[in-house]
Amino acid sequence: MSTASTTAMPETGLKSPGPGLVTLDPARTALLRGLDDLLTGLAVRLAAPEVVGPPLLPAESLARLDYFRNFPHLGVSAGRFTSKSLGSLAAGEPATDLPLRPTGYLLPSATCYGLLLSLEGEDVGETGLRLSAAGRCFRNETHYDGLRRLWGFHMREVLYLGSKEGAAQHLDQGADFVQELAGRLGLTLTRAAADDPFYDKGGSRARLMALDPVKHEFSAPDGTAIASVNRHRNFFGERLDIRAGDQGPAYSACVAFGVERWVHAMILAHDTAERALDRLRAARG
């Protein structure tokens, strides 16, 4: 009986299909899978069950969350080609500037939006609720840069909704986990306040954030932010009528990981994907 041999990769590597798009080679794919497996350790530690979020988000719902006031440049809309456009494509004409029919939906730019929208009108109780999810996220960017800045990427998040104290504790535990895991993987990260809140930049919440930052990022030595802890206060609780028992609108917080950026940070720290894989295996052991 013959045994299948390992397929040889092209000598020139796997090419990018377009700006901000990558196909990971086997070593980087193994890194991404292994890192995501380690990142689920936070969900295990916090007893956050795994769920799968929706692949599309209603633009109308995002508008109620000030998405288009805070992040108008990031949204990637889901459109359908018109019949005329399909005919042009079938005839071999270029797709540039062909008309699209709006669907009213966007691709997610962060994993937590779909989870939060799915809890609209719910009561998570005074003990609170935690959820963990990973998904493909998409963002229009001014430029793209390898694995540091992609058009489409994997984001894992652990979300909490409940009391103000519970949200603060969630972020403290998340920050400890990030630094603990970084140490196991041989990564040196710096923590700093970020300036991209979920809130209207011109409102009182934004002025409050300037005095009391709600987002902190953990960055590799080259400045790549690979994880963040995000305190939403009770913004989503108010906008989506998510309650925490008798305490009123729920406070929420999330810990987020850009998985491809963790791959980048590992290669940056250990020189090659293969050496990074060796360190990953040691950390898992």
Protein backbone atom coordinates (compact mmCIF):
# COMPACT_ATOMS: atom_id res chain seq x y z
CA MET A 1 0.00 0.00 0.00
CA SER A 2 1.46 3.35 -1.00
CA THR A 3 1.87 6.16 1.49
CA ALA A 4 1.08 9.73 0.45
CA SER A 5 4.12 11.98 0.47
CA THR A 6 4.14 15.54 1.75
CA THR A 7 3.18 17.99 -0.96
CA ALA A 8 6.04 20.32 -1.88
CA MET A 9 5.22 24.01 -1.69
CA PRO A 10 6.06 26.29 -4.64
CA GLU A 11 9.59 27.63 -4.41
CA THR A 12 8.31 31.17 -4.82
CA GLY A 13 5.89 30.73 -1.91
CA LEU A 14 2.16 31.44 -1.77
CA LYS A 15 1.33 34.74 -3.42
CA SER A 16 -1.07 37.36 -2.13
CA PRO A 17 -4.37 37.44 -4.09
CA GLY A 18 -4.56 41.19 -3.51
CA PRO A 19 -3.78 44.05 -1.10
CA GLY A 20 -4.37 43.08 2.52
CA LEU A 21 -4.99 39.43 1.60
CA VAL A 22 -2.68 36.52 2.47
CA THR A 23 -2.57 32.76 2.22
CA LEU A 24 -0.64 31.37 5.17
CA ASP A 25 1.93 28.69 4.40
CA PRO A 26 1.88 25.43 6.44
CA ALA A 27 4.24 26.73 9.17
CA ARG A 28 2.30 29.96 9.67
CA THR A 29 -0.99 28.07 9.55
CA ALA A 30 0.26 25.74 12.29
CA LEU A 31 1.28 28.80 14.29
CA LEU A 32 -2.13 30.40 13.88
CA ARG A 33 -3.98 27.22 14.91
CA GLY A 34 -1.69 26.58 17.86
CA LEU A 35 -1.82 30.16 19.08
CA ASP A 36 -5.60 30.29 18.87
CA ASP A 37 -5.70 27.09 20.90
CA LEU A 38 -3.59 28.75 23.59
CA LEU A 39 -5.71 31.90 23.49
CA THR A 40 -8.80 29.87 24.33
CA GLY A 41 -7.13 29.36 27.72
CA LEU A 42 -8.62 32.67 28.88
CA ALA A 43 -12.14 31.44 28.11
CA VAL A 44 -11.43 28.22 29.98
CA ARG A 45 -10.06 30.14 32.95
CA LEU A 46 -13.12 32.43 33.06
CA ALA A 47 -15.65 29.68 32.27
CA ALA A 48 -16.78 31.50 29.10
CA PRO A 49 -18.59 29.06 26.78
CA GLU A 50 -17.66 29.06 23.10
CA VAL A 51 -20.22 30.39 20.62
CA VAL A 52 -20.18 31.21 16.90
CA GLY A 53 -21.19 34.74 15.97
CA PRO A 54 -23.07 35.82 12.82
CA PRO A 55 -21.12 36.33 9.57
CA LEU A 56 -22.95 39.57 8.73
CA LEU A 57 -24.22 42.52 10.79
CA PRO A 58 -27.22 44.77 9.99
CA ALA A 59 -26.11 48.29 9.13
CA GLU A 60 -29.21 49.66 10.86
CA SER A 61 -28.21 48.03 14.15
CA LEU A 62 -24.62 49.24 13.86
CA ALA A 63 -25.87 52.78 13.28
CA ARG A 64 -27.66 52.64 16.65
CA LEU A 65 -24.27 51.85 18.21
CA ASP A 66 -22.62 54.95 16.65
CA TYR A 67 -20.50 52.67 14.47
CA PHE A 68 -20.65 54.99 11.47
CA ARG A 69 -19.82 58.02 13.61
CA ASN A 70 -16.81 56.38 15.24
CA PHE A 71 -15.49 54.06 12.52
CA PRO A 72 -16.88 55.29 9.17
CA HIS A 73 -13.72 54.23 7.33
CA LEU A 74 -13.60 50.61 8.56
CA GLY A 75 -16.92 49.18 7.35
CA VAL A 76 -16.86 46.61 4.56
CA SER A 77 -20.34 46.37 3.06
CA ALA A 78 -21.90 43.20 1.68
CA GLY A 79 -23.37 43.94 -1.74
CA ARG A 80 -24.85 41.92 -4.60
CA PHE A 81 -23.89 42.37 -8.23
CA THR A 82 -26.79 43.55 -10.38
CA SER A 83 -27.94 41.44 -13.32
CA LYS A 84 -26.13 43.83 -15.66
CA SER A 85 -22.94 43.47 -13.64
CA LEU A 86 -23.17 39.67 -13.74
CA GLY A 87 -23.53 39.80 -17.51
CA SER A 88 -20.47 42.03 -17.78
CA LEU A 89 -18.44 39.71 -15.55
CA ALA A 90 -19.51 36.67 -17.58
CA ALA A 91 -18.31 38.45 -20.71
CA GLY A 92 -14.89 38.87 -19.15
CA GLU A 93 -15.13 42.59 -18.41
CA PRO A 94 -13.19 43.92 -15.39
CA ALA A 95 -15.09 44.10 -12.11
CA THR A 96 -13.92 47.63 -11.36
CA ASP A 97 -16.78 50.10 -10.89
CA LEU A 98 -19.53 47.61 -11.72
CA PRO A 99 -22.75 48.51 -9.88
CA LEU A 100 -23.68 46.67 -6.69
CA ARG A 101 -27.07 46.34 -5.03
CA PRO A 102 -26.84 47.17 -1.29
CA THR A 103 -27.99 44.47 1.12
CA GLY A 104 -28.02 46.57 4.28
CA TYR A 105 -25.40 44.34 5.90
CA LEU A 106 -21.72 44.66 6.73
CA LEU A 107 -18.97 42.14 7.33
CA PRO A 108 -17.93 42.19 11.01
CA SER A 109 -15.00 44.44 11.91
CA ALA A 110 -14.90 42.99 15.45
CA THR A 111 -16.21 39.74 16.89
CA CYS A 112 -18.07 41.27 19.83
CA TYR A 113 -20.61 43.25 17.78
CA GLY A 114 -22.52 40.15 16.68
CA LEU A 115 -22.54 38.76 20.21
CA LEU A 116 -23.81 42.01 21.70
CA LEU A 117 -26.54 42.41 19.09
CA SER A 118 -27.70 38.85 19.77
CA LEU A 119 -28.31 39.79 23.42
CA GLU A 120 -30.51 42.83 22.74
CA GLY A 121 -33.34 43.11 25.26
CA GLU A 122 -31.96 40.33 27.48
CA ASP A 123 -31.29 40.26 31.21
CA VAL A 124 -27.91 38.69 31.98
CA GLY A 125 -28.57 38.74 35.72
CA GLU A 126 -26.49 40.28 38.48
CA THR A 127 -23.90 37.49 38.24
CA GLY A 128 -23.30 38.39 34.60
CA LEU A 129 -22.58 36.47 31.42
CA ARG A 130 -19.35 35.57 29.63
CA LEU A 131 -19.01 34.36 26.04
CA SER A 132 -16.02 33.43 23.90
CA ALA A 133 -15.93 33.50 20.11
CA ALA A 134 -13.52 33.68 17.21
CA GLY A 135 -14.38 34.85 13.74
CA ARG A 136 -13.16 36.42 10.55
CA CYS A 137 -13.19 40.19 10.74
CA PHE A 138 -12.79 42.71 7.92
CA ARG A 139 -11.64 46.31 7.89
CA ASN A 140 -11.02 48.90 5.23
CA GLU A 141 -7.64 50.40 6.05
CA THR A 142 -5.61 53.25 4.59
CA HIS A 143 -2.82 50.76 3.93
CA TYR A 144 -1.98 47.09 4.45
CA ASP A 145 1.22 45.61 5.81
CA GLY A 146 1.86 41.86 5.85
CA LEU A 147 0.30 40.16 8.86
CA ARG A 148 0.36 43.43 10.81
CA ARG A 149 -2.55 45.01 8.95
CA LEU A 150 -4.92 42.88 6.89
CA TRP A 151 -8.20 43.38 5.11
CA GLY A 152 -9.50 40.11 6.58
CA PHE A 153 -8.17 38.44 9.73
CA HIS A 154 -9.11 36.23 12.68
CA MET A 155 -10.14 37.85 15.95
CA ARG A 156 -10.78 35.94 19.18
CA GLU A 157 -12.66 37.70 21.96
CA VAL A 158 -13.87 36.92 25.46
CA LEU A 159 -16.86 39.12 26.28
CA TYR A 160 -18.38 39.95 29.66
CA LEU A 161 -21.73 41.60 30.47
CA GLY A 162 -22.93 42.27 34.00
CA SER A 163 -21.93 44.55 36.85
CA LYS A 164 -19.46 47.42 36.79
CA GLU A 165 -17.20 45.55 39.23
CA GLY A 166 -17.45 42.35 37.20
CA ALA A 167 -16.40 44.17 34.03
CA ALA A 168 -13.35 45.65 35.76
CA GLN A 169 -12.37 42.24 37.13
CA HIS A 170 -12.80 40.69 33.69
CA LEU A 171 -10.30 43.13 32.20
CA ASP A 172 -7.81 42.65 35.03
CA GLN A 173 -7.93 38.90 34.53
CA GLY A 174 -7.61 39.34 30.77
CA ALA A 175 -4.58 41.61 31.10
CA ASP A 176 -2.89 39.15 33.45
CA PHE A 177 -3.54 36.34 30.99
CA VAL A 178 -2.03 38.30 28.07
CA GLN A 179 1.21 38.99 29.94
CA GLU A 180 1.37 35.46 31.34
CA LEU A 181 0.95 33.89 27.89
CA ALA A 182 3.42 36.33 26.34
CA GLY A 183 6.02 35.23 28.89
CA ARG A 184 5.48 31.57 28.06
CA LEU A 185 5.87 32.34 24.35
CA GLY A 186 8.97 34.50 24.74
CA LEU A 187 7.21 37.72 23.71
CA THR A 188 7.94 41.14 25.16
CA LEU A 189 4.84 43.31 25.11
CA THR A 190 4.21 46.89 26.17
CA ARG A 191 0.84 48.14 27.41
CA ALA A 192 -0.49 51.57 26.48
CA ALA A 193 -3.80 53.42 26.26
CA ALA A 194 -5.43 53.48 22.81
CA ASP A 195 -7.55 56.23 21.28
CA ASP A 196 -10.31 54.41 19.38
CA PRO A 197 -13.31 54.13 21.74
CA PHE A 198 -16.68 52.60 20.89
CA TYR A 199 -18.23 55.99 21.63
CA ASP A 200 -18.99 59.13 19.67
CA LYS A 201 -15.70 61.03 19.50
CA GLY A 202 -17.48 64.36 19.85
CA GLY A 203 -19.61 63.48 22.83
CA SER A 204 -19.24 63.57 26.58
CA ARG A 205 -18.24 59.90 26.67
CA ALA A 206 -15.26 60.65 24.44
CA ARG A 207 -14.20 63.53 26.71
CA LEU A 208 -14.49 61.18 29.66
CA MET A 209 -12.33 58.62 27.85
CA ALA A 210 -9.59 61.21 27.42
CA LEU A 211 -9.42 61.41 31.22
CA ASP A 212 -10.11 57.72 31.87
CA PRO A 213 -9.00 55.52 28.92
CA VAL A 214 -11.30 52.58 28.20
CA LYS A 215 -8.99 50.66 25.88
CA HIS A 216 -5.45 49.44 26.43
CA GLU A 217 -3.38 47.65 23.80
CA PHE A 218 -0.52 45.19 24.19
CA SER A 219 2.09 45.72 21.48
CA ALA A 220 5.12 43.88 20.14
CA PRO A 221 8.49 45.72 19.96
CA ASP A 222 7.72 46.96 16.41
CA GLY A 223 4.50 48.61 17.60
CA THR A 224 2.07 45.97 16.38
CA ALA A 225 -0.91 45.77 18.76
CA ILE A 226 -1.70 42.06 19.17
CA ALA A 227 -4.22 42.18 22.03
CA SER A 228 -6.45 44.69 23.80
CA VAL A 229 -8.64 45.03 26.85
CA ASN A 230 -11.75 47.13 26.22
CA ARG A 231 -14.06 48.64 28.82
CA HIS A 232 -17.36 49.66 27.26
CA ARG A 233 -18.89 50.99 30.48
CA ASN A 234 -22.70 50.60 30.13
CA PHE A 235 -22.80 51.96 26.57
CA PHE A 236 -24.02 48.76 24.92
CA GLY A 237 -26.24 47.94 27.87
CA GLU A 238 -28.07 51.24 27.37
CA ARG A 239 -28.22 51.16 23.57
CA LEU A 240 -29.30 47.52 23.35
CA ASP A 241 -31.40 47.37 26.53
CA ILE A 242 -29.23 44.62 28.02
CA ARG A 243 -29.85 44.54 31.76
CA ALA A 244 -27.97 43.14 34.75
CA GLY A 245 -30.83 42.30 37.07
CA ASP A 246 -31.81 45.15 39.40
CA GLN A 247 -28.55 46.98 38.64
CA GLY A 248 -29.93 48.47 35.43
CA PRO A 249 -28.13 48.56 32.06
CA ALA A 250 -25.33 45.99 31.96
CA TYR A 251 -21.71 47.01 31.90
CA SER A 252 -19.63 45.18 29.32
CA ALA A 253 -15.96 44.53 28.59
CA CYS A 254 -14.00 42.36 26.21
CA VAL A 255 -10.50 40.99 25.78
CA ALA A 256 -9.54 40.75 22.10
CA PHE A 257 -6.74 38.99 20.23
CA GLY A 258 -5.73 39.52 16.60
CA VAL A 259 -4.49 36.00 15.84
CA GLU A 260 -2.49 36.80 12.68
CA ARG A 261 -0.78 39.57 14.63
CA TRP A 262 0.26 37.02 17.26
CA VAL A 263 1.77 34.98 14.40
CA HIS A 264 3.67 38.09 13.29
CA ALA A 265 4.88 38.80 16.84
CA MET A 266 6.10 35.21 17.25
CA ILE A 267 8.12 35.33 14.03
CA LEU A 268 9.47 38.76 14.99
CA ALA A 269 10.63 37.39 18.35
CA HIS A 270 12.00 34.05 17.15
CA ASP A 271 13.32 34.94 13.65
CA THR A 272 11.53 32.22 11.65
CA ALA A 273 8.15 30.53 11.65
CA GLU A 274 9.82 27.20 12.35
CA ARG A 275 11.60 28.48 15.46
CA ALA A 276 8.41 30.16 16.57
CA LEU A 277 6.64 26.80 16.23
CA ASP A 278 9.26 25.18 18.44
CA ARG A 279 8.64 27.79 21.13
CA LEU A 280 4.88 27.33 20.74
CA ARG A 281 5.20 23.57 21.23
CA ALA A 282 7.30 24.12 24.34
CA ALA A 283 4.70 26.53 25.72
CA ARG A 284 1.92 24.04 25.08
CA GLY A 285 3.92 21.29 26.73
